[in-house]
Amino acid sequence: MTEFQRLLAARQQVENIFELTKDNEWREYMARHLVLLHVELERQIENCIARGEDTLLTDKDEPPTMPE
């Protein structure tokens, strides 16, 4: 799994927690912390994209080839 994939998975987990706690009486308290984590994950994802590391392939995967 690439760093980009791990960051995307982490972001999805944070979004899942937002959804799972939508009816929780302490949602606002948790959301304040989750928002900070979500913003940092977005920043790191953008850094990966800027560095050209936004591939979903792992080192063990073969890149797709164009037919001749």
C-alpha atoms as a PDB file:
ATOM      1  CA  MET A   1       0.000   0.000   0.000  1.00  0.00           C
ATOM      2  CA  THR A   2       1.410   3.383  -0.941  1.00  0.00           C
ATOM      3  CA  GLU A   3       1.561   6.395   1.368  1.00  0.00           C
ATOM      4  CA  PHE A   4      -1.064   8.052  -0.837  1.00  0.00           C
ATOM      5  CA  GLN A   5      -3.390   5.062  -0.390  1.00  0.00           C
ATOM      6  CA  ARG A   6      -2.865   5.079   3.379  1.00  0.00           C
ATOM      7  CA  LEU A   7      -3.693   8.780   3.548  1.00  0.00           C
ATOM      8  CA  LEU A   8      -6.850   8.279   1.484  1.00  0.00           C
ATOM      9  CA  ALA A   9      -7.893   5.383   3.729  1.00  0.00           C
ATOM     10  CA  ALA A  10      -7.255   7.456   6.855  1.00  0.00           C
ATOM     11  CA  ARG A  11      -9.324  10.324   5.469  1.00  0.00           C
ATOM     12  CA  GLN A  12     -12.160   7.897   4.733  1.00  0.00           C
ATOM     13  CA  GLN A  13     -12.010   6.567   8.293  1.00  0.00           C
ATOM     14  CA  VAL A  14     -12.288  10.086   9.725  1.00  0.00           C
ATOM     15  CA  GLU A  15     -15.284  10.737   7.466  1.00  0.00           C
ATOM     16  CA  ASN A  16     -16.809   7.454   8.669  1.00  0.00           C
ATOM     17  CA  ILE A  17     -16.398   8.571  12.288  1.00  0.00           C
ATOM     18  CA  PHE A  18     -18.187  11.835  11.461  1.00  0.00           C
ATOM     19  CA  GLU A  19     -21.063   9.812  10.032  1.00  0.00           C
ATOM     20  CA  LEU A  20     -21.162   7.296  12.899  1.00  0.00           C
ATOM     21  CA  THR A  21     -21.330  10.050  15.520  1.00  0.00           C
ATOM     22  CA  LYS A  22     -23.955  12.222  13.834  1.00  0.00           C
ATOM     23  CA  ASP A  23     -26.503  11.494  16.583  1.00  0.00           C
ATOM     24  CA  ASN A  24     -24.044  11.501  19.492  1.00  0.00           C
ATOM     25  CA  GLU A  25     -24.738  14.098  22.158  1.00  0.00           C
ATOM     26  CA  TRP A  26     -21.002  14.970  22.253  1.00  0.00           C
ATOM     27  CA  ARG A  27     -20.667  15.219  18.482  1.00  0.00           C
ATOM     28  CA  GLU A  28     -19.488  18.827  18.465  1.00  0.00           C
ATOM     29  CA  TYR A  29     -16.707  18.028  20.935  1.00  0.00           C
ATOM     30  CA  MET A  30     -15.487  15.099  18.828  1.00  0.00           C
ATOM     31  CA  ALA A  31     -15.917  17.009  15.578  1.00  0.00           C
ATOM     32  CA  ARG A  32     -13.530  19.743  16.735  1.00  0.00           C
ATOM     33  CA  HIS A  33     -10.785  17.153  17.030  1.00  0.00           C
ATOM     34  CA  LEU A  34     -11.734  15.260  13.887  1.00  0.00           C
ATOM     35  CA  VAL A  35     -11.726  18.424  11.781  1.00  0.00           C
ATOM     36  CA  LEU A  36      -8.097  19.088  12.706  1.00  0.00           C
ATOM     37  CA  LEU A  37      -7.158  15.552  11.711  1.00  0.00           C
ATOM     38  CA  HIS A  38      -9.136  15.784   8.470  1.00  0.00           C
ATOM     39  CA  VAL A  39      -7.444  19.065   7.507  1.00  0.00           C
ATOM     40  CA  GLU A  40      -3.986  17.596   8.158  1.00  0.00           C
ATOM     41  CA  LEU A  41      -4.796  14.511   6.071  1.00  0.00           C
ATOM     42  CA  GLU A  42      -5.985  16.756   3.235  1.00  0.00           C
ATOM     43  CA  ARG A  43      -2.742  18.737   3.446  1.00  0.00           C
ATOM     44  CA  GLN A  44      -0.647  15.591   3.227  1.00  0.00           C
ATOM     45  CA  ILE A  45      -2.738  14.230   0.350  1.00  0.00           C
ATOM     46  CA  GLU A  46      -2.204  17.493  -1.535  1.00  0.00           C
ATOM     47  CA  ASN A  47       1.540  17.230  -0.860  1.00  0.00           C
ATOM     48  CA  CYS A  48       1.569  13.730  -2.358  1.00  0.00           C
ATOM     49  CA  ILE A  49      -0.257  14.997  -5.430  1.00  0.00           C
ATOM     50  CA  ALA A  50       2.148  17.925  -5.806  1.00  0.00           C
ATOM     51  CA  ARG A  51       5.103  15.527  -5.634  1.00  0.00           C
ATOM     52  CA  GLY A  52       3.490  13.247  -8.213  1.00  0.00           C
ATOM     53  CA  GLU A  53       2.996  10.450  -5.691  1.00  0.00           C
ATOM     54  CA  ASP A  54      -0.753  10.228  -6.230  1.00  0.00           C
ATOM     55  CA  THR A  55      -0.629   6.773  -7.759  1.00  0.00           C
ATOM     56  CA  LEU A  56      -2.777   3.993  -6.403  1.00  0.00           C
ATOM     57  CA  LEU A  57      -0.210   1.416  -7.518  1.00  0.00           C
ATOM     58  CA  THR A  58       2.151  -0.174  -5.040  1.00  0.00           C
ATOM     59  CA  ASP A  59       5.777  -1.007  -5.690  1.00  0.00           C
ATOM     60  CA  LYS A  60       4.691  -4.583  -6.410  1.00  0.00           C
ATOM     61  CA  ASP A  61       2.033  -3.596  -8.959  1.00  0.00           C
ATOM     62  CA  GLU A  62       2.821  -3.341 -12.623  1.00  0.00           C
ATOM     63  CA  PRO A  63       1.810  -0.086 -14.277  1.00  0.00           C
ATOM     64  CA  PRO A  64      -0.725  -0.458 -17.083  1.00  0.00           C
ATOM     65  CA  THR A  65       0.745  -0.676 -20.560  1.00  0.00           C
ATOM     66  CA  MET A  66      -0.696   0.746 -23.746  1.00  0.00           C
ATOM     67  CA  PRO A  67      -1.518  -1.769 -26.451  1.00  0.00           C
ATOM     68  CA  GLU A  68       0.533  -1.397 -29.616  1.00  0.00           C
END
